[in-house]
Amino acid sequence: MKSKRQSSEPEKADLTPMIDMTFQLIAFFMILINFSEVDRSEDIELPLSELAKPPMEAAQHEMVLNLQPDGAVSYATTRFASGDQLKPYFERKIRDARREGLEPADIRIVIRAHEDTPTGKVQELMAECEKASLSNFALRVKERVLGTR
């Protein structure tokens, strides 16, 4: 009978599957990254407020609208000259909410207006939202700690 010869060299492990799995995990977690920063326009300077309070609960459906002093509105990565051009996006958001058994009142409209934006422009944007039956608003501001400037 022949016996198997044992080699004195240690066996080399094939690391290719482990490296592949590592790259797949990296790609998976990159997809899951919170892209909420995409909604924030860098050129918007929020006004300060001492009375600002964060929302008590997160909204299931939320639209973040960035409002410039000239009345231009940014939604996602698209810029519009005025809020009346957002009607198709409002309708799509309402359809998505209704598929989940929600009503338009359950959609939170977050308005991030620049600190130099006239109040009238904010009201005009809110009126456009209300035309589409969206009436749940949240205004974003920077929180100012009492006693600081």
C-alpha atoms as a PDB file:
ATOM      1  CA  MET A   1       0.000   0.000   0.000  1.00  0.00           C
ATOM      2  CA  LYS A   2       1.101   3.418  -0.886  1.00  0.00           C
ATOM      3  CA  SER A   3       0.804   6.123   1.663  1.00  0.00           C
ATOM      4  CA  LYS A   4       0.275   9.734   0.860  1.00  0.00           C
ATOM      5  CA  ARG A   5       3.246  11.845   1.268  1.00  0.00           C
ATOM      6  CA  GLN A   6       2.839  14.842   3.457  1.00  0.00           C
ATOM      7  CA  SER A   7       4.332  17.958   2.082  1.00  0.00           C
ATOM      8  CA  SER A   8       6.467  20.068   4.342  1.00  0.00           C
ATOM      9  CA  GLU A   9       5.100  23.249   2.676  1.00  0.00           C
ATOM     10  CA  PRO A  10       2.017  24.723   4.334  1.00  0.00           C
ATOM     11  CA  GLU A  11      -1.027  25.004   2.122  1.00  0.00           C
ATOM     12  CA  LYS A  12      -1.765  28.463   0.801  1.00  0.00           C
ATOM     13  CA  ALA A  13      -5.276  29.763   1.329  1.00  0.00           C
ATOM     14  CA  ASP A  14      -7.097  31.292  -1.595  1.00  0.00           C
ATOM     15  CA  LEU A  15      -8.105  34.773  -0.393  1.00  0.00           C
ATOM     16  CA  THR A  16     -10.013  35.700  -3.536  1.00  0.00           C
ATOM     17  CA  PRO A  17     -13.476  34.792  -2.180  1.00  0.00           C
ATOM     18  CA  MET A  18     -12.802  36.698   1.033  1.00  0.00           C
ATOM     19  CA  ILE A  19     -11.671  39.789  -0.891  1.00  0.00           C
ATOM     20  CA  ASP A  20     -14.729  39.540  -3.150  1.00  0.00           C
ATOM     21  CA  MET A  21     -17.016  39.349  -0.128  1.00  0.00           C
ATOM     22  CA  THR A  22     -15.296  42.371   1.447  1.00  0.00           C
ATOM     23  CA  PHE A  23     -15.898  44.463  -1.679  1.00  0.00           C
ATOM     24  CA  GLN A  24     -19.503  43.301  -1.841  1.00  0.00           C
ATOM     25  CA  LEU A  25     -20.041  44.378   1.769  1.00  0.00           C
ATOM     26  CA  ILE A  26     -18.457  47.763   1.073  1.00  0.00           C
ATOM     27  CA  ALA A  27     -20.751  48.246  -1.934  1.00  0.00           C
ATOM     28  CA  PHE A  28     -23.777  47.144   0.131  1.00  0.00           C
ATOM     29  CA  PHE A  29     -23.089  49.631   2.920  1.00  0.00           C
ATOM     30  CA  MET A  30     -22.407  52.436   0.440  1.00  0.00           C
ATOM     31  CA  ILE A  31     -25.901  51.900  -0.948  1.00  0.00           C
ATOM     32  CA  LEU A  32     -27.397  52.067   2.545  1.00  0.00           C
ATOM     33  CA  ILE A  33     -25.690  55.334   3.469  1.00  0.00           C
ATOM     34  CA  ASN A  34     -28.131  57.991   4.581  1.00  0.00           C
ATOM     35  CA  PHE A  35     -28.421  60.392   1.684  1.00  0.00           C
ATOM     36  CA  SER A  36     -30.448  62.954   3.650  1.00  0.00           C
ATOM     37  CA  GLU A  37     -27.619  65.424   3.064  1.00  0.00           C
ATOM     38  CA  VAL A  38     -28.621  65.454  -0.617  1.00  0.00           C
ATOM     39  CA  ASP A  39     -31.732  67.434   0.334  1.00  0.00           C
ATOM     40  CA  ARG A  40     -29.647  70.175   1.871  1.00  0.00           C
ATOM     41  CA  SER A  41     -28.551  72.986  -0.366  1.00  0.00           C
ATOM     42  CA  GLU A  42     -25.151  74.336   0.657  1.00  0.00           C
ATOM     43  CA  ASP A  43     -25.989  77.893  -0.365  1.00  0.00           C
ATOM     44  CA  ILE A  44     -28.913  78.125   2.060  1.00  0.00           C
ATOM     45  CA  GLU A  45     -28.024  79.953   5.285  1.00  0.00           C
ATOM     46  CA  LEU A  46     -30.754  79.106   7.745  1.00  0.00           C
ATOM     47  CA  PRO A  47     -32.029  81.824  10.086  1.00  0.00           C
ATOM     48  CA  LEU A  48     -31.363  81.538  13.817  1.00  0.00           C
ATOM     49  CA  SER A  49     -34.163  80.878  16.282  1.00  0.00           C
ATOM     50  CA  GLU A  50     -34.262  80.448  20.040  1.00  0.00           C
ATOM     51  CA  LEU A  51     -37.689  78.812  19.878  1.00  0.00           C
ATOM     52  CA  ALA A  52     -36.762  76.076  17.394  1.00  0.00           C
ATOM     53  CA  LYS A  53     -37.568  72.542  18.465  1.00  0.00           C
ATOM     54  CA  PRO A  54     -36.851  69.371  16.503  1.00  0.00           C
ATOM     55  CA  PRO A  55     -39.877  67.328  15.385  1.00  0.00           C
ATOM     56  CA  MET A  56     -41.076  64.805  17.942  1.00  0.00           C
ATOM     57  CA  GLU A  57     -41.262  61.990  15.385  1.00  0.00           C
ATOM     58  CA  ALA A  58     -39.877  61.330  11.943  1.00  0.00           C
ATOM     59  CA  ALA A  59     -42.288  61.591   9.035  1.00  0.00           C
ATOM     60  CA  GLN A  60     -42.784  58.578   6.780  1.00  0.00           C
ATOM     61  CA  HIS A  61     -43.052  60.836   3.756  1.00  0.00           C
ATOM     62  CA  GLU A  62     -41.145  64.072   3.673  1.00  0.00           C
ATOM     63  CA  MET A  63     -40.300  66.584   0.958  1.00  0.00           C
ATOM     64  CA  VAL A  64     -37.411  68.959   1.619  1.00  0.00           C
ATOM     65  CA  LEU A  65     -37.717  72.214  -0.335  1.00  0.00           C
ATOM     66  CA  ASN A  66     -34.834  74.711  -0.339  1.00  0.00           C
ATOM     67  CA  LEU A  67     -36.011  78.297  -0.898  1.00  0.00           C
ATOM     68  CA  GLN A  68     -33.681  81.027  -2.163  1.00  0.00           C
ATOM     69  CA  PRO A  69     -34.178  84.757  -1.461  1.00  0.00           C
ATOM     70  CA  ASP A  70     -35.241  85.303  -5.089  1.00  0.00           C
ATOM     71  CA  GLY A  71     -38.043  82.715  -4.777  1.00  0.00           C
ATOM     72  CA  ALA A  72     -36.225  79.907  -6.605  1.00  0.00           C
ATOM     73  CA  VAL A  73     -36.915  76.486  -5.132  1.00  0.00           C
ATOM     74  CA  SER A  74     -34.656  73.417  -5.129  1.00  0.00           C
ATOM     75  CA  TYR A  75     -36.089  69.939  -4.687  1.00  0.00           C
ATOM     76  CA  ALA A  76     -33.665  67.031  -4.636  1.00  0.00           C
ATOM     77  CA  THR A  77     -31.090  68.146  -7.204  1.00  0.00           C
ATOM     78  CA  THR A  78     -33.422  70.169  -9.428  1.00  0.00           C
ATOM     79  CA  ARG A  79     -33.828  73.941  -9.238  1.00  0.00           C
ATOM     80  CA  PHE A  80     -37.100  75.643 -10.196  1.00  0.00           C
ATOM     81  CA  ALA A  81     -37.757  79.336 -10.794  1.00  0.00           C
ATOM     82  CA  SER A  82     -40.827  79.189  -8.547  1.00  0.00           C
ATOM     83  CA  GLY A  83     -42.897  76.813  -6.433  1.00  0.00           C
ATOM     84  CA  ASP A  84     -45.672  76.453  -9.007  1.00  0.00           C
ATOM     85  CA  GLN A  85     -43.365  74.234 -11.092  1.00  0.00           C
ATOM     86  CA  LEU A  86     -43.338  71.600  -8.330  1.00  0.00           C
ATOM     87  CA  LYS A  87     -46.881  70.376  -9.024  1.00  0.00           C
ATOM     88  CA  PRO A  88     -45.803  67.092 -10.748  1.00  0.00           C
ATOM     89  CA  TYR A  89     -43.490  66.295  -7.814  1.00  0.00           C
ATOM     90  CA  PHE A  90     -46.277  66.972  -5.321  1.00  0.00           C
ATOM     91  CA  GLU A  91     -48.607  64.662  -7.264  1.00  0.00           C
ATOM     92  CA  ARG A  92     -45.997  61.894  -7.368  1.00  0.00           C
ATOM     93  CA  LYS A  93     -45.371  62.174  -3.623  1.00  0.00           C
ATOM     94  CA  ILE A  94     -49.125  62.012  -2.940  1.00  0.00           C
ATOM     95  CA  ARG A  95     -49.456  58.897  -5.148  1.00  0.00           C
ATOM     96  CA  ASP A  96     -46.571  57.231  -3.286  1.00  0.00           C
ATOM     97  CA  ALA A  97     -48.155  58.027   0.079  1.00  0.00           C
ATOM     98  CA  ARG A  98     -51.580  56.749  -0.996  1.00  0.00           C
ATOM     99  CA  ARG A  99     -50.023  53.447  -2.092  1.00  0.00           C
ATOM    100  CA  GLU A 100     -48.949  53.046   1.520  1.00  0.00           C
ATOM    101  CA  GLY A 101     -52.416  53.938   2.830  1.00  0.00           C
ATOM    102  CA  LEU A 102     -51.513  57.507   3.818  1.00  0.00           C
ATOM    103  CA  GLU A 103     -53.206  60.794   3.019  1.00  0.00           C
ATOM    104  CA  PRO A 104     -51.658  64.049   1.753  1.00  0.00           C
ATOM    105  CA  ALA A 105     -51.864  65.451   5.300  1.00  0.00           C
ATOM    106  CA  ASP A 106     -49.369  62.765   6.360  1.00  0.00           C
ATOM    107  CA  ILE A 107     -46.691  64.169   4.029  1.00  0.00           C
ATOM    108  CA  ARG A 108     -44.423  66.651   5.801  1.00  0.00           C
ATOM    109  CA  ILE A 109     -43.187  69.550   3.680  1.00  0.00           C
ATOM    110  CA  VAL A 110     -39.881  70.788   5.099  1.00  0.00           C
ATOM    111  CA  ILE A 111     -39.048  74.310   3.973  1.00  0.00           C
ATOM    112  CA  ARG A 112     -35.419  75.368   4.297  1.00  0.00           C
ATOM    113  CA  ALA A 113     -35.547  79.068   3.483  1.00  0.00           C
ATOM    114  CA  HIS A 114     -32.416  81.204   3.293  1.00  0.00           C
ATOM    115  CA  GLU A 115     -32.224  83.735   6.125  1.00  0.00           C
ATOM    116  CA  ASP A 116     -32.575  86.597   3.598  1.00  0.00           C
ATOM    117  CA  THR A 117     -35.733  85.148   2.023  1.00  0.00           C
ATOM    118  CA  PRO A 118     -38.724  87.462   2.466  1.00  0.00           C
ATOM    119  CA  THR A 119     -41.570  85.976   4.488  1.00  0.00           C
ATOM    120  CA  GLY A 120     -43.865  86.533   1.514  1.00  0.00           C
ATOM    121  CA  LYS A 121     -41.831  84.071  -0.588  1.00  0.00           C
ATOM    122  CA  VAL A 122     -42.193  81.424   2.112  1.00  0.00           C
ATOM    123  CA  GLN A 123     -45.952  82.061   2.211  1.00  0.00           C
ATOM    124  CA  GLU A 124     -46.171  81.792  -1.588  1.00  0.00           C
ATOM    125  CA  LEU A 125     -44.413  78.417  -1.474  1.00  0.00           C
ATOM    126  CA  MET A 126     -46.748  77.230   1.280  1.00  0.00           C
ATOM    127  CA  ALA A 127     -49.740  78.356  -0.807  1.00  0.00           C
ATOM    128  CA  GLU A 128     -48.477  76.277  -3.756  1.00  0.00           C
ATOM    129  CA  CYS A 129     -48.205  73.262  -1.469  1.00  0.00           C
ATOM    130  CA  GLU A 130     -51.712  73.834  -0.134  1.00  0.00           C
ATOM    131  CA  LYS A 131     -53.087  73.923  -3.700  1.00  0.00           C
ATOM    132  CA  ALA A 132     -51.854  70.324  -3.969  1.00  0.00           C
ATOM    133  CA  SER A 133     -53.550  69.441  -0.609  1.00  0.00           C
ATOM    134  CA  LEU A 134     -50.228  69.404   1.262  1.00  0.00           C
ATOM    135  CA  SER A 135     -50.626  71.243   4.550  1.00  0.00           C
ATOM    136  CA  ASN A 136     -48.201  69.634   7.009  1.00  0.00           C
ATOM    137  CA  PHE A 137     -45.258  72.061   7.190  1.00  0.00           C
ATOM    138  CA  ALA A 138     -41.981  72.217   9.082  1.00  0.00           C
ATOM    139  CA  LEU A 139     -39.661  75.213   8.788  1.00  0.00           C
ATOM    140  CA  ARG A 140     -35.951  74.531   9.294  1.00  0.00           C
ATOM    141  CA  VAL A 141     -33.836  77.001  11.239  1.00  0.00           C
ATOM    142  CA  LYS A 142     -30.541  76.939  13.113  1.00  0.00           C
ATOM    143  CA  GLU A 143     -31.048  76.609  16.818  1.00  0.00           C
ATOM    144  CA  ARG A 144     -29.601  79.464  18.791  1.00  0.00           C
ATOM    145  CA  VAL A 145     -28.730  78.759  22.402  1.00  0.00           C
ATOM    146  CA  LEU A 146     -30.310  81.290  24.733  1.00  0.00           C
ATOM    147  CA  GLY A 147     -27.910  84.053  25.700  1.00  0.00           C
ATOM    148  CA  THR A 148     -25.605  83.667  22.666  1.00  0.00           C
ATOM    149  CA  ARG A 149     -25.429  85.731  19.505  1.00  0.00           C
END
